[in-house]
Amino acid sequence: MKIWITILIALCACLQVQAQNTAEERAKAKEEARQEQAVLDSIYFKQAKTSLENQDFALEADRVVLKNGATAYVNSNTNFVAVKDDKATVQVAFNIPVSGPNGLGGITLDGSISNYKLTEDKKGNLHVSFDVMGVGISARVTISLANGSNTADLLILPTFNSNELRLSGHILPLKQSSIFKGNAL
């Protein structure tokens, strides 16, 4: 009987050591994953910053917030703001059965950029503002990019009305983006 109790105690001790090792391994793996994500986020931020400085980027939006506060989660391939040198394209396309002017359920507007300004605050956050003028658009665009990530918020303020539009998504170099442009006005 004493042998069985000794074996049972030894078995419990082994299981406890194994459980402790497993918990430590999980904690270590979680910390390594967090560190790897931090390094990736840093690389994405540097890439986004360079793209903003070179005026060669796309903000692929996965969320659109309308003036009344309604939020729509959208396809980032068809909802974007793209900038190349002194030209910009603003496109929104909602997943609706109506094709819309751009053929994708929304609108696509091309325009020329003026007053492009990039600033960095004390915390390293980037702020970009510019005006876009084109056939179907006259608006002020502002972008806020938090330090350490390529996730950004964008605000479009039309010049002739108050129908502001907010987009949230990721800034990528234009060559790396997977945007699909519809028919522009």
Protein backbone atom coordinates (compact mmCIF):
# COMPACT_ATOMS: atom_id res chain seq x y z
CA MET A 1 0.00 0.00 0.00
CA LYS A 2 2.86 2.37 0.87
CA ILE A 3 4.41 1.68 -2.54
CA TRP A 4 1.16 2.74 -4.30
CA ILE A 5 0.96 5.92 -2.28
CA THR A 6 4.62 6.68 -3.06
CA ILE A 7 4.03 6.01 -6.77
CA LEU A 8 0.89 8.17 -6.71
CA ILE A 9 2.73 11.05 -5.01
CA ALA A 10 5.61 10.76 -7.51
CA LEU A 11 3.15 10.71 -10.41
CA CYS A 12 1.35 13.81 -9.09
CA ALA A 13 4.68 15.60 -8.68
CA CYS A 14 5.65 14.73 -12.27
CA LEU A 15 2.30 15.96 -13.58
CA GLN A 16 2.65 19.19 -11.61
CA VAL A 17 6.16 19.78 -13.00
CA GLN A 18 4.89 19.01 -16.53
CA ALA A 19 1.96 21.44 -16.12
CA GLN A 20 4.30 24.14 -14.83
CA ASN A 21 6.69 23.58 -17.77
CA THR A 22 3.75 23.76 -20.23
CA ALA A 23 2.52 27.04 -18.70
CA GLU A 24 6.03 28.50 -18.85
CA GLU A 25 6.40 27.39 -22.49
CA ARG A 26 3.06 29.00 -23.39
CA ALA A 27 4.05 32.25 -21.67
CA LYS A 28 7.41 32.21 -23.45
CA ALA A 29 5.77 31.53 -26.83
CA LYS A 30 3.25 34.33 -26.24
CA GLU A 31 6.03 36.80 -25.38
CA GLU A 32 8.02 35.78 -28.48
CA ALA A 33 4.93 36.26 -30.67
CA ARG A 34 4.35 39.70 -29.11
CA GLN A 35 7.95 40.71 -29.80
CA GLU A 36 7.76 39.46 -33.40
CA GLN A 37 4.54 41.46 -33.95
CA ALA A 38 6.20 44.58 -32.52
CA VAL A 39 9.09 44.19 -34.99
CA LEU A 40 6.65 43.71 -37.90
CA ASP A 41 4.61 46.74 -36.83
CA SER A 42 7.79 48.82 -36.70
CA ILE A 43 8.74 47.73 -40.23
CA TYR A 44 5.20 48.47 -41.51
CA PHE A 45 5.31 51.92 -39.90
CA LYS A 46 8.65 52.78 -41.52
CA GLN A 47 7.32 51.59 -44.86
CA ALA A 48 4.14 53.66 -44.46
CA LYS A 49 6.14 56.73 -43.41
CA THR A 50 8.39 56.45 -46.48
CA SER A 51 5.33 56.07 -48.70
CA LEU A 52 3.72 59.17 -47.21
CA GLU A 53 6.94 61.15 -47.64
CA ASN A 54 7.19 60.06 -51.30
CA GLN A 55 3.49 60.68 -52.00
CA ASP A 56 3.19 57.12 -53.32
CA PHE A 57 0.70 55.21 -51.17
CA ALA A 58 -2.74 53.71 -50.80
CA LEU A 59 -4.85 53.68 -47.69
CA GLU A 60 -6.88 50.50 -48.02
CA ALA A 61 -9.94 51.01 -45.84
CA ASP A 62 -11.70 48.17 -44.08
CA ARG A 63 -14.13 50.45 -42.23
CA VAL A 64 -16.15 53.47 -43.37
CA VAL A 65 -17.90 55.83 -40.94
CA LEU A 66 -20.57 58.12 -42.39
CA LYS A 67 -21.51 61.61 -41.16
CA ASN A 68 -24.39 60.26 -39.06
CA GLY A 69 -22.02 57.84 -37.28
CA ALA A 70 -23.14 54.72 -39.12
CA THR A 71 -20.25 52.29 -39.57
CA ALA A 72 -19.85 49.88 -42.46
CA TYR A 73 -17.19 47.20 -42.68
CA VAL A 74 -16.09 47.09 -46.30
CA ASN A 75 -13.73 45.37 -48.72
CA SER A 76 -10.31 47.05 -48.57
CA ASN A 77 -9.62 46.32 -52.26
CA THR A 78 -12.46 48.58 -53.41
CA ASN A 79 -12.47 51.22 -50.64
CA PHE A 80 -9.34 53.31 -50.67
CA VAL A 81 -7.56 56.60 -51.15
CA ALA A 82 -4.54 56.32 -53.43
CA VAL A 83 -1.92 59.01 -53.98
CA LYS A 84 0.73 59.04 -56.69
CA ASP A 85 2.82 62.22 -56.93
CA ASP A 86 0.29 65.04 -57.44
CA LYS A 87 -2.73 62.84 -58.30
CA ALA A 88 -5.23 61.19 -55.96
CA THR A 89 -8.07 58.70 -56.31
CA VAL A 90 -10.83 58.43 -53.73
CA GLN A 91 -13.07 55.38 -54.07
CA VAL A 92 -15.84 53.98 -51.91
CA ALA A 93 -17.84 50.93 -52.93
CA PHE A 94 -20.41 49.38 -50.65
CA ASN A 95 -21.51 45.79 -51.01
CA ILE A 96 -24.95 46.54 -52.43
CA PRO A 97 -26.81 45.05 -55.39
CA VAL A 98 -26.80 48.38 -57.28
CA SER A 99 -23.69 48.87 -59.42
CA GLY A 100 -23.28 52.63 -58.82
CA PRO A 101 -21.42 55.09 -61.05
CA ASN A 102 -18.12 53.20 -60.73
CA GLY A 103 -19.63 49.78 -61.45
CA LEU A 104 -18.75 48.55 -57.95
CA GLY A 105 -21.61 49.92 -55.87
CA GLY A 106 -20.11 53.30 -55.11
CA ILE A 107 -18.17 56.17 -56.61
CA THR A 108 -14.61 56.73 -57.85
CA LEU A 109 -13.18 60.23 -58.03
CA ASP A 110 -9.84 61.33 -59.48
CA GLY A 111 -8.25 64.68 -58.77
CA SER A 112 -5.12 66.74 -58.45
CA ILE A 113 -3.43 67.31 -55.11
CA SER A 114 -2.37 70.66 -53.72
CA ASN A 115 -1.09 71.85 -50.33
CA TYR A 116 0.37 68.44 -49.38
CA LYS A 117 1.72 68.71 -45.84
CA LEU A 118 3.28 65.97 -43.69
CA THR A 119 3.95 66.64 -40.00
CA GLU A 120 5.16 64.53 -37.09
CA ASP A 121 4.16 65.21 -33.48
CA LYS A 122 6.26 64.70 -30.34
CA LYS A 123 5.06 61.10 -29.96
CA GLY A 124 6.11 60.19 -33.52
CA ASN A 125 2.57 60.10 -34.92
CA LEU A 126 2.28 61.31 -38.52
CA HIS A 127 -0.37 63.69 -39.84
CA VAL A 128 -0.90 64.34 -43.54
CA SER A 129 -3.25 66.88 -45.07
CA PHE A 130 -3.92 67.87 -48.66
CA ASP A 131 -6.59 69.24 -50.95
CA VAL A 132 -8.01 67.24 -53.86
CA MET A 133 -9.68 68.96 -56.83
CA GLY A 134 -11.20 67.09 -59.74
CA VAL A 135 -14.32 66.65 -61.88
CA GLY A 136 -16.39 65.14 -59.08
CA ILE A 137 -14.40 66.09 -55.99
CA SER A 138 -13.29 69.13 -54.10
CA ALA A 139 -12.25 68.13 -50.62
CA ARG A 140 -9.73 68.40 -47.82
CA VAL A 141 -8.18 65.05 -46.84
CA THR A 142 -6.44 64.45 -43.53
CA ILE A 143 -4.66 61.25 -42.49
CA SER A 144 -3.50 60.28 -39.00
CA LEU A 145 -0.98 57.46 -38.67
CA ALA A 146 -0.11 56.27 -35.17
CA ASN A 147 3.55 55.65 -34.41
CA GLY A 148 4.55 51.99 -34.60
CA SER A 149 1.85 50.75 -36.97
CA ASN A 150 0.56 51.20 -40.51
CA THR A 151 -3.05 51.51 -39.30
CA ALA A 152 -4.42 54.96 -40.10
CA ASP A 153 -7.57 57.05 -39.97
CA LEU A 154 -8.56 59.27 -42.88
CA LEU A 155 -11.09 62.10 -42.96
CA ILE A 156 -12.55 63.51 -46.17
CA LEU A 157 -14.15 66.95 -45.77
CA PRO A 158 -15.92 68.07 -48.96
CA THR A 159 -15.53 71.76 -49.78
CA PHE A 160 -19.14 72.44 -50.83
CA ASN A 161 -21.13 70.38 -48.29
CA SER A 162 -20.79 68.82 -44.85
CA ASN A 163 -21.02 65.16 -45.86
CA GLU A 164 -17.76 64.12 -44.24
CA LEU A 165 -16.53 60.58 -44.63
CA ARG A 166 -14.12 58.72 -42.34
CA LEU A 167 -12.09 55.71 -43.42
CA SER A 168 -9.93 53.42 -41.30
CA GLY A 169 -7.43 51.00 -42.71
CA HIS A 170 -3.79 50.36 -43.52
CA ILE A 171 -1.30 52.46 -45.46
CA LEU A 172 0.75 50.55 -48.00
CA PRO A 173 3.14 51.53 -50.77
CA LEU A 174 1.10 51.81 -53.95
CA LYS A 175 3.05 48.95 -55.58
CA GLN A 176 2.17 46.61 -52.71
CA SER A 177 -1.50 47.50 -52.51
CA SER A 178 -4.20 45.27 -53.92
CA ILE A 179 -6.69 47.99 -54.85
CA PHE A 180 -9.19 47.56 -57.67
CA LYS A 181 -10.21 50.83 -59.28
CA GLY A 182 -13.67 51.24 -60.74
CA ASN A 183 -14.80 53.66 -63.46
CA ALA A 184 -13.97 57.22 -62.41
CA LEU A 185 -16.30 60.16 -63.04
